[in-house]
């Protein structure tokens, strides 16, 4: 009886030891201080065929919170466009430079807001943002992101019931400011011709 009890006690100790939980050690990231006037040179469009080689290292060495902030900020674009709220200071810098693939390159937040508002004036919209890759520079103050989009533009009034689809990428350069991450440069790259009646966008 004593022998059996001892074995049972040892087994309990062994089981208890095996299932002892040790909390993981959280990594410590150096706080990055960036100036609000951080700038990045307006880039050319990155060819799709070159992206796998350019973004071949998925191991991020920066604070994971920065990736989350960039991703969440990028998602605001859909909410702004579909809600027709064109106050975009929480997404772009004041001196943003944007190539929307149609018309001249736009410089400045206010001109960009006016252009986007005009482009959606005759339709309602549904923007889906999908595949995304974020690459934060070693400095922790700038980043590049590629975000796929599928935009559905729905006719209103005389064009009700008609729809046009746009497929492409947002190629963005980011800077980290005191208010958070903001897009300093945007290239809108269409990956296919418009599908549907594109004339409804013109009203």
Protein backbone atom coordinates (compact mmCIF):
# COMPACT_ATOMS: atom_id res chain seq x y z
CA UNK A 1 0.00 0.00 0.00
CA UNK A 2 2.82 2.39 0.92
CA UNK A 3 4.59 1.51 -2.33
CA UNK A 4 1.49 2.29 -4.43
CA UNK A 5 0.85 5.59 -2.64
CA UNK A 6 4.42 6.67 -3.22
CA UNK A 7 4.14 5.90 -6.92
CA UNK A 8 0.88 7.82 -7.16
CA UNK A 9 2.42 10.79 -5.35
CA UNK A 10 5.43 10.75 -7.66
CA UNK A 11 3.16 10.60 -10.68
CA UNK A 12 1.20 13.62 -9.44
CA UNK A 13 4.43 15.55 -8.94
CA UNK A 14 5.62 14.55 -12.41
CA UNK A 15 2.34 15.59 -14.01
CA UNK A 16 2.32 18.87 -12.11
CA UNK A 17 5.86 19.61 -13.18
CA UNK A 18 5.15 18.76 -16.81
CA UNK A 19 2.21 21.19 -16.96
CA UNK A 20 3.75 24.10 -15.11
CA UNK A 21 3.04 27.21 -17.18
CA UNK A 22 5.85 29.67 -17.76
CA UNK A 23 4.72 32.97 -19.31
CA UNK A 24 6.67 33.84 -22.45
CA UNK A 25 9.19 36.64 -22.23
CA UNK A 26 7.92 39.63 -24.14
CA UNK A 27 10.54 41.14 -26.44
CA UNK A 28 11.61 44.68 -25.67
CA UNK A 29 11.59 47.05 -28.63
CA UNK A 30 13.53 50.27 -28.73
CA UNK A 31 11.29 53.31 -28.83
CA UNK A 32 11.66 55.07 -32.17
CA UNK A 33 11.54 58.84 -32.29
CA UNK A 34 10.66 60.32 -35.67
CA UNK A 35 10.17 63.91 -36.72
CA UNK A 36 6.93 65.08 -38.27
CA UNK A 37 8.85 66.46 -41.23
CA UNK A 38 10.23 63.06 -42.18
CA UNK A 39 9.94 62.73 -45.94
CA UNK A 40 10.41 60.03 -48.53
CA UNK A 41 11.18 60.51 -52.19
CA UNK A 42 8.19 60.02 -54.48
CA UNK A 43 8.75 56.53 -55.88
CA UNK A 44 8.12 55.03 -59.26
CA UNK A 45 5.57 52.25 -59.67
CA UNK A 46 6.89 48.87 -58.54
CA UNK A 47 6.30 46.26 -61.29
CA UNK A 48 4.28 43.29 -60.10
CA UNK A 49 6.89 40.84 -61.43
CA UNK A 50 9.59 42.38 -59.19
CA UNK A 51 7.64 42.35 -55.93
CA UNK A 52 8.49 38.80 -54.79
CA UNK A 53 12.21 39.63 -55.01
CA UNK A 54 11.87 43.06 -53.39
CA UNK A 55 9.72 41.81 -50.52
CA UNK A 56 11.38 38.43 -50.05
CA UNK A 57 12.14 38.68 -46.32
CA UNK A 58 8.95 38.36 -44.25
CA UNK A 59 10.78 38.60 -40.89
CA UNK A 60 9.92 41.95 -39.34
CA UNK A 61 12.45 43.40 -36.90
CA UNK A 62 10.38 46.42 -35.87
CA UNK A 63 7.79 46.81 -33.16
CA UNK A 64 4.71 44.72 -34.10
CA UNK A 65 2.50 47.61 -32.99
CA UNK A 66 3.80 49.64 -35.94
CA UNK A 67 2.61 46.97 -38.38
CA UNK A 68 -0.82 46.96 -36.71
CA UNK A 69 -1.05 50.76 -36.83
CA UNK A 70 -0.11 50.88 -40.51
CA UNK A 71 -2.58 48.13 -41.38
CA UNK A 72 -5.42 49.73 -39.42
CA UNK A 73 -4.70 53.17 -40.84
CA UNK A 74 -4.67 51.77 -44.38
CA UNK A 75 -8.09 50.23 -43.78
CA UNK A 76 -9.51 53.67 -42.97
CA UNK A 77 -9.43 54.45 -46.69
CA UNK A 78 -12.40 52.16 -47.37
CA UNK A 79 -14.39 53.73 -44.53
CA UNK A 80 -13.64 57.23 -45.77
CA UNK A 81 -14.45 56.53 -49.43
CA UNK A 82 -17.58 54.45 -48.89
CA UNK A 83 -18.86 56.85 -46.22
CA UNK A 84 -18.05 59.86 -48.44
CA UNK A 85 -16.02 61.40 -45.64
CA UNK A 86 -13.17 63.13 -47.41
CA UNK A 87 -11.44 64.60 -44.36
CA UNK A 88 -8.35 62.42 -44.80
CA UNK A 89 -5.92 63.92 -42.30
CA UNK A 90 -5.90 60.68 -40.33
CA UNK A 91 -4.61 58.82 -43.39
CA UNK A 92 -2.35 61.12 -45.45
CA UNK A 93 0.29 63.74 -44.65
CA UNK A 94 -0.36 67.41 -45.36
CA UNK A 95 2.15 67.34 -48.25
CA UNK A 96 1.11 63.96 -49.66
CA UNK A 97 1.97 63.25 -53.31
CA UNK A 98 -0.43 60.92 -55.13
CA UNK A 99 -0.51 59.40 -58.60
CA UNK A 100 -4.05 58.12 -59.15
CA UNK A 101 -3.19 56.80 -62.64
CA UNK A 102 -5.67 59.19 -64.24
CA UNK A 103 -4.74 62.83 -64.66
CA UNK A 104 -1.72 64.66 -63.26
CA UNK A 105 0.13 63.78 -60.07
CA UNK A 106 -1.59 65.46 -57.11
CA UNK A 107 0.40 67.30 -54.44
CA UNK A 108 -1.11 68.26 -51.10
CA UNK A 109 -3.83 66.87 -48.85
CA UNK A 110 -6.57 69.35 -49.82
CA UNK A 111 -6.16 68.84 -53.61
CA UNK A 112 -6.21 65.07 -53.06
CA UNK A 113 -9.40 65.27 -51.01
CA UNK A 114 -11.06 67.37 -53.72
CA UNK A 115 -9.99 64.93 -56.45
CA UNK A 116 -11.25 61.85 -54.58
CA UNK A 117 -14.54 63.51 -53.73
CA UNK A 118 -15.07 64.45 -57.38
CA UNK A 119 -14.23 60.92 -58.56
CA UNK A 120 -17.01 59.42 -56.41
CA UNK A 121 -19.59 62.19 -56.72
CA UNK A 122 -21.79 60.28 -59.19
CA UNK A 123 -21.65 56.84 -57.53
CA UNK A 124 -21.75 55.00 -54.25
CA UNK A 125 -18.81 52.73 -53.58
CA UNK A 126 -17.70 49.54 -51.88
CA UNK A 127 -13.93 49.20 -51.38
CA UNK A 128 -12.51 45.83 -50.38
CA UNK A 129 -8.87 45.84 -49.29
CA UNK A 130 -7.16 42.45 -49.42
CA UNK A 131 -3.61 41.13 -49.83
CA UNK A 132 -1.17 43.40 -48.03
CA UNK A 133 2.58 43.50 -47.44
CA UNK A 134 4.26 46.00 -45.10
CA UNK A 135 8.00 46.67 -44.98
CA UNK A 136 9.20 49.02 -42.23
CA UNK A 137 12.65 50.57 -42.66
CA UNK A 138 15.39 49.91 -40.11
CA UNK A 139 15.02 53.49 -38.87
CA UNK A 140 11.44 52.72 -37.81
CA UNK A 141 10.37 56.08 -39.28
CA UNK A 142 9.36 55.13 -42.83
CA UNK A 143 7.66 52.16 -44.44
CA UNK A 144 6.38 50.80 -47.73
CA UNK A 145 3.13 48.90 -48.14
CA UNK A 146 1.40 47.14 -51.02
CA UNK A 147 -2.36 46.73 -50.62
CA UNK A 148 -4.62 45.04 -53.17
CA UNK A 149 -8.07 46.52 -53.69
CA UNK A 150 -11.35 45.62 -55.38
CA UNK A 151 -13.61 48.64 -55.75
CA UNK A 152 -17.25 48.35 -56.77
CA UNK A 153 -18.76 51.61 -58.01
CA UNK A 154 -22.56 51.63 -58.06
CA UNK A 155 -24.60 53.97 -60.21
CA UNK A 156 -27.22 56.25 -58.68
CA UNK A 157 -30.11 58.20 -60.20
CA UNK A 158 -30.38 57.50 -63.96
CA UNK A 159 -27.47 55.03 -63.65
CA UNK A 160 -29.07 53.05 -60.82
CA UNK A 161 -28.52 49.31 -61.27
CA UNK A 162 -25.31 49.73 -63.25
CA UNK A 163 -21.92 48.93 -61.79
CA UNK A 164 -18.26 49.16 -62.64
CA UNK A 165 -15.44 47.22 -60.98
CA UNK A 166 -11.85 48.37 -60.51
CA UNK A 167 -9.01 46.02 -59.53
CA UNK A 168 -5.56 47.12 -58.48
CA UNK A 169 -3.03 48.02 -55.83
CA UNK A 170 -2.24 50.93 -53.58
CA UNK A 171 1.55 51.28 -53.40
CA UNK A 172 2.17 53.53 -50.40
CA UNK A 173 5.15 55.13 -48.72
CA UNK A 174 4.59 55.93 -45.06
CA UNK A 175 6.16 58.23 -42.47
CA UNK A 176 5.75 57.94 -38.73
CA UNK A 177 4.61 61.22 -37.18
CA UNK A 178 3.65 62.26 -33.67
CA UNK A 179 -0.01 61.61 -34.56
CA UNK A 180 0.80 58.16 -35.97
CA UNK A 181 1.65 56.62 -39.33
CA UNK A 182 0.57 58.60 -42.40
CA UNK A 183 0.86 58.01 -46.16
CA UNK A 184 3.33 60.44 -47.73
CA UNK A 185 3.20 59.02 -51.26
CA UNK A 186 0.60 56.92 -53.05
CA UNK A 187 0.68 55.22 -56.44
CA UNK A 188 -2.66 53.76 -57.50
CA UNK A 189 -1.90 50.94 -59.93
CA UNK A 190 -4.72 49.33 -61.90
CA UNK A 191 -4.17 45.63 -62.58
CA UNK A 192 -6.93 45.27 -65.16
CA UNK A 193 -9.22 47.46 -67.28
CA UNK A 194 -12.44 48.63 -65.67
CA UNK A 195 -15.17 46.00 -65.81
CA UNK A 196 -18.63 47.35 -66.56
CA UNK A 197 -19.96 50.72 -67.58
CA UNK A 198 -17.21 53.16 -66.61
CA UNK A 199 -19.26 56.11 -67.86
CA UNK A 200 -21.38 56.04 -64.69
CA UNK A 201 -18.41 57.48 -62.78
CA UNK A 202 -18.71 60.63 -64.89
CA UNK A 203 -22.36 61.10 -63.91
